[in-house]
Amino acid sequence: MKSSHVKKIGLGLFVAVAAFAGAASAVPRHHEYVIYYSDDTHTTAVGSYTSTCSGRFYQQGVVTPYAEVIIDQECRITSPEPWGSFPY
């Protein structure tokens, strides 16, 4: 009976660690803001893409090969997302 109880605790611990590892690997590593332009002169913006440290992403307009990365910062996992201070 005791052996069965130890196995259940071990299995529960394994599942908890695996779930935490999966969640940690899903956290974005960079906050990015990209602007897409209509051509290589980069004069007319036609779209944008934002990915946040919390895992949210937003895309607007058209994605083209003519892109400029405006923000590319490493995420600080322990800090909350700085709403209201974009760009940071």
PDB file of N, CA and C in Angstrom:
ATOM      1  N   MET A   1       0.817  -1.191   0.000  1.00  0.00           N
ATOM      2  CA  MET A   1       0.000   0.000   0.000  1.00  0.00           C
ATOM      3  C   MET A   1       0.866   1.263   0.000  1.00  0.00           C
ATOM      4  N   LYS A   2       1.915   1.261   0.809  1.00  0.00           N
ATOM      5  CA  LYS A   2       2.786   2.411   0.893  1.00  0.00           C
ATOM      6  C   LYS A   2       3.502   2.654  -0.442  1.00  0.00           C
ATOM      7  N   SER A   3       3.916   1.599  -1.116  1.00  0.00           N
ATOM      8  CA  SER A   3       4.585   1.715  -2.404  1.00  0.00           C
ATOM      9  C   SER A   3       3.667   2.361  -3.439  1.00  0.00           C
ATOM     10  N   SER A   4       2.398   1.992  -3.426  1.00  0.00           N
ATOM     11  CA  SER A   4       1.426   2.570  -4.351  1.00  0.00           C
ATOM     12  C   SER A   4       1.253   4.064  -4.093  1.00  0.00           C
ATOM     13  N   HIS A   5       1.236   4.444  -2.834  1.00  0.00           N
ATOM     14  CA  HIS A   5       1.090   5.852  -2.464  1.00  0.00           C
ATOM     15  C   HIS A   5       2.297   6.664  -2.940  1.00  0.00           C
ATOM     16  N   VAL A   6       3.497   6.115  -2.783  1.00  0.00           N
ATOM     17  CA  VAL A   6       4.722   6.783  -3.225  1.00  0.00           C
ATOM     18  C   VAL A   6       4.708   6.933  -4.745  1.00  0.00           C
ATOM     19  N   LYS A   7       4.254   5.913  -5.453  1.00  0.00           N
ATOM     20  CA  LYS A   7       4.185   5.991  -6.917  1.00  0.00           C
ATOM     21  C   LYS A   7       3.223   7.086  -7.356  1.00  0.00           C
ATOM     22  N   LYS A   8       2.085   7.226  -6.684  1.00  0.00           N
ATOM     23  CA  LYS A   8       1.115   8.257  -7.035  1.00  0.00           C
ATOM     24  C   LYS A   8       1.692   9.647  -6.801  1.00  0.00           C
ATOM     25  N   ILE A   9       2.410   9.821  -5.698  1.00  0.00           N
ATOM     26  CA  ILE A   9       3.036  11.113  -5.410  1.00  0.00           C
ATOM     27  C   ILE A   9       4.099  11.415  -6.460  1.00  0.00           C
ATOM     28  N   GLY A  10       4.901  10.412  -6.798  1.00  0.00           N
ATOM     29  CA  GLY A  10       5.933  10.587  -7.815  1.00  0.00           C
ATOM     30  C   GLY A  10       5.335  10.946  -9.168  1.00  0.00           C
ATOM     31  N   LEU A  11       4.243  10.276  -9.540  1.00  0.00           N
ATOM     32  CA  LEU A  11       3.587  10.563 -10.808  1.00  0.00           C
ATOM     33  C   LEU A  11       3.001  11.974 -10.791  1.00  0.00           C
ATOM     34  N   GLY A  12       2.387  12.362  -9.684  1.00  0.00           N
ATOM     35  CA  GLY A  12       1.827  13.721  -9.562  1.00  0.00           C
ATOM     36  C   GLY A  12       2.904  14.777  -9.670  1.00  0.00           C
ATOM     37  N   LEU A  13       4.028  14.543  -9.044  1.00  0.00           N
ATOM     38  CA  LEU A  13       5.150  15.475  -9.112  1.00  0.00           C
ATOM     39  C   LEU A  13       5.680  15.582 -10.530  1.00  0.00           C
ATOM     40  N   PHE A  14       5.794  14.443 -11.219  1.00  0.00           N
ATOM     41  CA  PHE A  14       6.262  14.434 -12.608  1.00  0.00           C
ATOM     42  C   PHE A  14       5.332  15.250 -13.493  1.00  0.00           C
ATOM     43  N   VAL A  15       4.031  15.050 -13.335  1.00  0.00           N
ATOM     44  CA  VAL A  15       3.044  15.776 -14.147  1.00  0.00           C
ATOM     45  C   VAL A  15       3.128  17.277 -13.874  1.00  0.00           C
ATOM     46  N   ALA A  16       3.280  17.661 -12.616  1.00  0.00           N
ATOM     47  CA  ALA A  16       3.369  19.078 -12.261  1.00  0.00           C
ATOM     48  C   ALA A  16       4.620  19.721 -12.863  1.00  0.00           C
ATOM     49  N   VAL A  17       5.736  19.038 -12.781  1.00  0.00           N
ATOM     50  CA  VAL A  17       6.987  19.567 -13.346  1.00  0.00           C
ATOM     51  C   VAL A  17       6.884  19.664 -14.856  1.00  0.00           C
ATOM     52  N   ALA A  18       6.313  18.652 -15.497  1.00  0.00           N
ATOM     53  CA  ALA A  18       6.162  18.668 -16.951  1.00  0.00           C
ATOM     54  C   ALA A  18       5.247  19.807 -17.389  1.00  0.00           C
ATOM     55  N   ALA A  19       4.172  20.043 -16.666  1.00  0.00           N
ATOM     56  CA  ALA A  19       3.252  21.133 -16.997  1.00  0.00           C
ATOM     57  C   ALA A  19       3.945  22.482 -16.847  1.00  0.00           C
ATOM     58  N   PHE A  20       4.717  22.657 -15.776  1.00  0.00           N
ATOM     59  CA  PHE A  20       5.441  23.906 -15.565  1.00  0.00           C
ATOM     60  C   PHE A  20       6.477  24.120 -16.661  1.00  0.00           C
ATOM     61  N   ALA A  21       7.191  23.081 -17.032  1.00  0.00           N
ATOM     62  CA  ALA A  21       8.209  23.190 -18.080  1.00  0.00           C
ATOM     63  C   ALA A  21       7.564  23.555 -19.410  1.00  0.00           C
ATOM     64  N   GLY A  22       6.411  22.984 -19.694  1.00  0.00           N
ATOM     65  CA  GLY A  22       5.714  23.313 -20.930  1.00  0.00           C
ATOM     66  C   GLY A  22       5.263  24.755 -20.946  1.00  0.00           C
ATOM     67  N   ALA A  23       4.747  25.237 -19.841  1.00  0.00           N
ATOM     68  CA  ALA A  23       4.298  26.627 -19.758  1.00  0.00           C
ATOM     69  C   ALA A  23       5.479  27.588 -19.850  1.00  0.00           C
ATOM     70  N   ALA A  24       6.573  27.256 -19.221  1.00  0.00           N
ATOM     71  CA  ALA A  24       7.750  28.126 -19.258  1.00  0.00           C
ATOM     72  C   ALA A  24       8.329  28.212 -20.661  1.00  0.00           C
ATOM     73  N   SER A  25       8.297  27.132 -21.408  1.00  0.00           N
ATOM     74  CA  SER A  25       8.850  27.169 -22.751  1.00  0.00           C
ATOM     75  C   SER A  25       7.945  27.927 -23.708  1.00  0.00           C
ATOM     76  N   ALA A  26       6.673  28.121 -23.350  1.00  0.00           N
ATOM     77  CA  ALA A  26       5.735  28.830 -24.210  1.00  0.00           C
ATOM     78  C   ALA A  26       5.810  30.344 -24.019  1.00  0.00           C
ATOM     79  N   VAL A  27       6.519  30.814 -23.013  1.00  0.00           N
ATOM     80  CA  VAL A  27       6.627  32.245 -22.756  1.00  0.00           C
ATOM     81  C   VAL A  27       7.517  32.872 -23.831  1.00  0.00           C
ATOM     82  N   PRO A  28       7.042  33.941 -24.473  1.00  0.00           N
ATOM     83  CA  PRO A  28       7.867  34.595 -25.504  1.00  0.00           C
ATOM     84  C   PRO A  28       9.161  35.133 -24.913  1.00  0.00           C
ATOM     85  N   ARG A  29      10.162  35.181 -25.711  1.00  0.00           N
ATOM     86  CA  ARG A  29      11.455  35.689 -25.241  1.00  0.00           C
ATOM     87  C   ARG A  29      11.694  37.139 -25.635  1.00  0.00           C
ATOM     88  N   HIS A  30      10.916  37.633 -26.616  1.00  0.00           N
ATOM     89  CA  HIS A  30      11.103  39.000 -27.086  1.00  0.00           C
ATOM     90  C   HIS A  30       9.772  39.711 -27.257  1.00  0.00           C
ATOM     91  N   HIS A  31       9.794  41.004 -26.976  1.00  0.00           N
ATOM     92  CA  HIS A  31       8.683  41.895 -27.295  1.00  0.00           C
ATOM     93  C   HIS A  31       9.072  42.528 -28.626  1.00  0.00           C
ATOM     94  N   GLU A  32       8.204  42.420 -29.613  1.00  0.00           N
ATOM     95  CA  GLU A  32       8.540  42.955 -30.936  1.00  0.00           C
ATOM     96  C   GLU A  32       7.428  43.863 -31.453  1.00  0.00           C
ATOM     97  N   TYR A  33       7.843  44.884 -32.174  1.00  0.00           N
ATOM     98  CA  TYR A  33       6.916  45.735 -32.911  1.00  0.00           C
ATOM     99  C   TYR A  33       7.521  45.932 -34.287  1.00  0.00           C
ATOM    100  N   VAL A  34       6.782  45.520 -35.310  1.00  0.00           N
ATOM    101  CA  VAL A  34       7.272  45.550 -36.690  1.00  0.00           C
ATOM    102  C   VAL A  34       6.299  46.374 -37.531  1.00  0.00           C
ATOM    103  N   ILE A  35       6.847  47.223 -38.394  1.00  0.00           N
ATOM    104  CA  ILE A  35       6.030  47.973 -39.351  1.00  0.00           C
ATOM    105  C   ILE A  35       6.335  47.434 -40.745  1.00  0.00           C
ATOM    106  N   TYR A  36       5.270  47.188 -41.513  1.00  0.00           N
ATOM    107  CA  TYR A  36       5.397  46.702 -42.889  1.00  0.00           C
ATOM    108  C   TYR A  36       5.097  47.846 -43.851  1.00  0.00           C
ATOM    109  N   TYR A  37       5.931  47.955 -44.895  1.00  0.00           N
ATOM    110  CA  TYR A  37       5.809  49.028 -45.876  1.00  0.00           C
ATOM    111  C   TYR A  37       5.407  48.465 -47.233  1.00  0.00           C
ATOM    112  N   SER A  38       4.903  49.345 -48.096  1.00  0.00           N
ATOM    113  CA  SER A  38       4.419  48.920 -49.413  1.00  0.00           C
ATOM    114  C   SER A  38       5.552  48.555 -50.359  1.00  0.00           C
ATOM    115  N   ASP A  39       6.732  49.148 -50.175  1.00  0.00           N
ATOM    116  CA  ASP A  39       7.870  48.844 -51.056  1.00  0.00           C
ATOM    117  C   ASP A  39       9.178  49.103 -50.313  1.00  0.00           C
ATOM    118  N   ASP A  40      10.286  48.948 -51.021  1.00  0.00           N
ATOM    119  CA  ASP A  40      11.595  49.050 -50.362  1.00  0.00           C
ATOM    120  C   ASP A  40      12.015  50.484 -50.021  1.00  0.00           C
ATOM    121  N   THR A  41      11.209  51.486 -50.375  1.00  0.00           N
ATOM    122  CA  THR A  41      11.539  52.857 -49.983  1.00  0.00           C
ATOM    123  C   THR A  41      11.116  53.146 -48.537  1.00  0.00           C
ATOM    124  N   HIS A  42      10.269  52.285 -47.975  1.00  0.00           N
ATOM    125  CA  HIS A  42       9.795  52.417 -46.589  1.00  0.00           C
ATOM    126  C   HIS A  42       9.145  53.775 -46.323  1.00  0.00           C
ATOM    127  N   THR A  43       8.343  54.258 -47.276  1.00  0.00           N
ATOM    128  CA  THR A  43       7.665  55.540 -47.085  1.00  0.00           C
ATOM    129  C   THR A  43       6.186  55.384 -46.730  1.00  0.00           C
ATOM    130  N   THR A  44       5.540  54.311 -47.199  1.00  0.00           N
ATOM    131  CA  THR A  44       4.118  54.118 -46.935  1.00  0.00           C
ATOM    132  C   THR A  44       3.911  52.865 -46.097  1.00  0.00           C
ATOM    133  N   ALA A  45       3.515  53.059 -44.844  1.00  0.00           N
ATOM    134  CA  ALA A  45       3.252  51.922 -43.958  1.00  0.00           C
ATOM    135  C   ALA A  45       1.905  51.314 -44.333  1.00  0.00           C
ATOM    136  N   VAL A  46       1.871  49.980 -44.458  1.00  0.00           N
ATOM    137  CA  VAL A  46       0.629  49.297 -44.832  1.00  0.00           C
ATOM    138  C   VAL A  46       0.196  48.269 -43.794  1.00  0.00           C
ATOM    139  N   GLY A  47       1.016  48.036 -42.766  1.00  0.00           N
ATOM    140  CA  GLY A  47       0.654  47.069 -41.743  1.00  0.00           C
ATOM    141  C   GLY A  47       1.616  47.091 -40.580  1.00  0.00           C
ATOM    142  N   SER A  48       1.236  46.385 -39.522  1.00  0.00           N
ATOM    143  CA  SER A  48       2.104  46.287 -38.352  1.00  0.00           C
ATOM    144  C   SER A  48       1.838  44.975 -37.626  1.00  0.00           C
ATOM    145  N   TYR A  49       2.805  44.584 -36.823  1.00  0.00           N
ATOM    146  CA  TYR A  49       2.704  43.357 -36.028  1.00  0.00           C
ATOM    147  C   TYR A  49       3.327  43.647 -34.670  1.00  0.00           C
ATOM    148  N   THR A  50       2.626  43.260 -33.625  1.00  0.00           N
ATOM    149  CA  THR A  50       3.130  43.403 -32.270  1.00  0.00           C
ATOM    150  C   THR A  50       3.011  42.065 -31.555  1.00  0.00           C
ATOM    151  N   SER A  51       4.078  41.634 -30.919  1.00  0.00           N
ATOM    152  CA  SER A  51       4.005  40.478 -30.021  1.00  0.00           C
ATOM    153  C   SER A  51       4.500  40.946 -28.665  1.00  0.00           C
ATOM    154  N   THR A  52       3.759  40.581 -27.631  1.00  0.00           N
ATOM    155  CA  THR A  52       4.078  41.068 -26.289  1.00  0.00           C
ATOM    156  C   THR A  52       4.691  39.958 -25.441  1.00  0.00           C
ATOM    157  N   CYS A  53       5.264  40.347 -24.353  1.00  0.00           N
ATOM    158  CA  CYS A  53       5.885  39.390 -23.442  1.00  0.00           C
ATOM    159  C   CYS A  53       4.869  38.486 -22.755  1.00  0.00           C
ATOM    160  N   SER A  54       3.612  38.896 -22.750  1.00  0.00           N
ATOM    161  CA  SER A  54       2.586  38.061 -22.128  1.00  0.00           C
ATOM    162  C   SER A  54       2.058  36.999 -23.080  1.00  0.00           C
ATOM    163  N   GLY A  55       2.555  37.004 -24.333  1.00  0.00           N
ATOM    164  CA  GLY A  55       2.122  36.006 -25.301  1.00  0.00           C
ATOM    165  C   GLY A  55       1.034  36.499 -26.239  1.00  0.00           C
ATOM    166  N   ARG A  56       0.601  37.713 -26.059  1.00  0.00           N
ATOM    167  CA  ARG A  56      -0.413  38.273 -26.961  1.00  0.00           C
ATOM    168  C   ARG A  56       0.259  38.757 -28.242  1.00  0.00           C
ATOM    169  N   PHE A  57      -0.492  38.717 -29.343  1.00  0.00           N
ATOM    170  CA  PHE A  57       0.021  39.288 -30.567  1.00  0.00           C
ATOM    171  C   PHE A  57      -1.110  39.979 -31.315  1.00  0.00           C
ATOM    172  N   TYR A  58      -0.738  41.002 -32.052  1.00  0.00           N
ATOM    173  CA  TYR A  58      -1.698  41.800 -32.789  1.00  0.00           C
ATOM    174  C   TYR A  58      -1.134  42.050 -34.175  1.00  0.00           C
ATOM    175  N   GLN A  59      -1.958  41.869 -35.182  1.00  0.00           N
ATOM    176  CA  GLN A  59      -1.545  42.144 -36.548  1.00  0.00           C
ATOM    177  C   GLN A  59      -2.595  43.032 -37.178  1.00  0.00           C
ATOM    178  N   GLN A  60      -2.132  44.011 -37.930  1.00  0.00           N
ATOM    179  CA  GLN A  60      -3.028  44.972 -38.531  1.00  0.00           C
ATOM    180  C   GLN A  60      -2.543  45.252 -39.947  1.00  0.00           C
ATOM    181  N   GLY A  61      -3.460  45.346 -40.886  1.00  0.00           N
ATOM    182  CA  GLY A  61      -3.097  45.690 -42.252  1.00  0.00           C
ATOM    183  C   GLY A  61      -2.493  44.524 -43.003  1.00  0.00           C
ATOM    184  N   VAL A  62      -1.503  44.844 -43.844  1.00  0.00           N
ATOM    185  CA  VAL A  62      -0.895  43.882 -44.772  1.00  0.00           C
ATOM    186  C   VAL A  62       0.534  43.562 -44.346  1.00  0.00           C
ATOM    187  N   VAL A  63       0.895  42.294 -44.430  1.00  0.00           N
ATOM    188  CA  VAL A  63       2.271  41.873 -44.174  1.00  0.00           C
ATOM    189  C   VAL A  63       2.996  41.809 -45.515  1.00  0.00           C
ATOM    190  N   THR A  64       4.126  42.490 -45.611  1.00  0.00           N
ATOM    191  CA  THR A  64       4.919  42.514 -46.845  1.00  0.00           C
ATOM    192  C   THR A  64       6.358  42.132 -46.517  1.00  0.00           C
ATOM    193  N   PRO A  65       7.169  41.891 -47.540  1.00  0.00           N
ATOM    194  CA  PRO A  65       8.589  41.606 -47.281  1.00  0.00           C
ATOM    195  C   PRO A  65       9.376  42.849 -46.840  1.00  0.00           C
ATOM    196  N   TYR A  66       8.764  44.030 -46.951  1.00  0.00           N
ATOM    197  CA  TYR A  66       9.448  45.285 -46.640  1.00  0.00           C
ATOM    198  C   TYR A  66       9.127  45.699 -45.208  1.00  0.00           C
ATOM    199  N   ALA A  67       9.852  45.135 -44.288  1.00  0.00           N
ATOM    200  CA  ALA A  67       9.563  45.321 -42.870  1.00  0.00           C
ATOM    201  C   ALA A  67      10.704  46.035 -42.157  1.00  0.00           C
ATOM    202  N   GLU A  68      10.328  46.735 -41.104  1.00  0.00           N
ATOM    203  CA  GLU A  68      11.316  47.365 -40.235  1.00  0.00           C
ATOM    204  C   GLU A  68      10.947  47.018 -38.792  1.00  0.00           C
ATOM    205  N   VAL A  69      11.889  46.427 -38.081  1.00  0.00           N
ATOM    206  CA  VAL A  69      11.663  46.091 -36.678  1.00  0.00           C
ATOM    207  C   VAL A  69      11.944  47.342 -35.860  1.00  0.00           C
ATOM    208  N   ILE A  70      10.902  47.838 -35.211  1.00  0.00           N
ATOM    209  CA  ILE A  70      11.024  49.060 -34.423  1.00  0.00           C
ATOM    210  C   ILE A  70      11.467  48.741 -32.999  1.00  0.00           C
ATOM    211  N   ILE A  71      10.877  47.700 -32.424  1.00  0.00           N
ATOM    212  CA  ILE A  71      11.231  47.278 -31.064  1.00  0.00           C
ATOM    213  C   ILE A  71      11.542  45.790 -31.088  1.00  0.00           C
ATOM    214  N   ASP A  72      12.622  45.414 -30.482  1.00  0.00           N
ATOM    215  CA  ASP A  72      12.967  44.008 -30.280  1.00  0.00           C
ATOM    216  C   ASP A  72      13.704  43.931 -28.943  1.00  0.00           C
ATOM    217  N   GLN A  73      12.924  43.776 -27.872  1.00  0.00           N
ATOM    218  CA  GLN A  73      13.508  43.747 -26.539  1.00  0.00           C
ATOM    219  C   GLN A  73      13.279  42.395 -25.892  1.00  0.00           C
ATOM    220  N   GLU A  74      14.250  41.987 -25.134  1.00  0.00           N
ATOM    221  CA  GLU A  74      14.136  40.734 -24.390  1.00  0.00           C
ATOM    222  C   GLU A  74      13.098  40.887 -23.282  1.00  0.00           C
ATOM    223  N   CYS A  75      12.285  39.861 -23.116  1.00  0.00           N
ATOM    224  CA  CYS A  75      11.261  39.886 -22.070  1.00  0.00           C
ATOM    225  C   CYS A  75      11.890  39.616 -20.709  1.00  0.00           C
ATOM    226  N   ARG A  76      11.419  40.339 -19.720  1.00  0.00           N
ATOM    227  CA  ARG A  76      11.786  40.091 -18.338  1.00  0.00           C
ATOM    228  C   ARG A  76      10.651  39.281 -17.743  1.00  0.00           C
ATOM    229  N   ILE A  77      10.858  38.018 -17.546  1.00  0.00           N
ATOM    230  CA  ILE A  77       9.804  37.090 -17.151  1.00  0.00           C
ATOM    231  C   ILE A  77       9.156  37.495 -15.829  1.00  0.00           C
ATOM    232  N   THR A  78       9.908  38.055 -14.902  1.00  0.00           N
ATOM    233  CA  THR A  78       9.363  38.376 -13.588  1.00  0.00           C
ATOM    234  C   THR A  78       8.607  39.702 -13.567  1.00  0.00           C
ATOM    235  N   SER A  79       8.727  40.518 -14.620  1.00  0.00           N
ATOM    236  CA  SER A  79       8.072  41.818 -14.625  1.00  0.00           C
ATOM    237  C   SER A  79       6.730  41.740 -15.329  1.00  0.00           C
ATOM    238  N   PRO A  80       5.751  42.497 -14.854  1.00  0.00           N
ATOM    239  CA  PRO A  80       4.464  42.538 -15.544  1.00  0.00           C
ATOM    240  C   PRO A  80       4.582  43.317 -16.850  1.00  0.00           C
ATOM    241  N   GLU A  81       3.637  43.104 -17.734  1.00  0.00           N
ATOM    242  CA  GLU A  81       3.633  43.820 -18.990  1.00  0.00           C
ATOM    243  C   GLU A  81       3.355  45.297 -18.725  1.00  0.00           C
ATOM    244  N   PRO A  82       4.143  46.191 -19.303  1.00  0.00           N
ATOM    245  CA  PRO A  82       4.032  47.610 -18.974  1.00  0.00           C
ATOM    246  C   PRO A  82       2.908  48.305 -19.763  1.00  0.00           C
ATOM    247  N   TRP A  83       1.650  47.990 -19.468  1.00  0.00           N
ATOM    248  CA  TRP A  83       0.543  48.629 -20.169  1.00  0.00           C
ATOM    249  C   TRP A  83       0.584  50.133 -19.898  1.00  0.00           C
ATOM    250  N   GLY A  84       0.326  50.876 -20.916  1.00  0.00           N
ATOM    251  CA  GLY A  84       0.274  52.320 -20.774  1.00  0.00           C
ATOM    252  C   GLY A  84       1.609  53.001 -21.010  1.00  0.00           C
ATOM    253  N   SER A  85       2.665  52.245 -21.216  1.00  0.00           N
ATOM    254  CA  SER A  85       3.966  52.864 -21.470  1.00  0.00           C
ATOM    255  C   SER A  85       4.575  52.334 -22.769  1.00  0.00           C
ATOM    256  N   PHE A  86       3.740  52.030 -23.746  1.00  0.00           N
ATOM    257  CA  PHE A  86       4.205  51.515 -25.047  1.00  0.00           C
ATOM    258  C   PHE A  86       4.635  52.688 -25.891  1.00  0.00           C
ATOM    259  N   PRO A  87       5.749  52.661 -26.595  1.00  0.00           N
ATOM    260  CA  PRO A  87       6.761  51.610 -26.516  1.00  0.00           C
ATOM    261  C   PRO A  87       7.657  51.808 -25.304  1.00  0.00           C
ATOM    262  N   TYR A  88       8.155  50.705 -24.789  1.00  0.00           N
ATOM    263  CA  TYR A  88       9.006  50.807 -23.603  1.00  0.00           C
ATOM    264  C   TYR A  88      10.418  50.428 -23.929  1.00  0.00           C
TER     265      TYR A  88
END
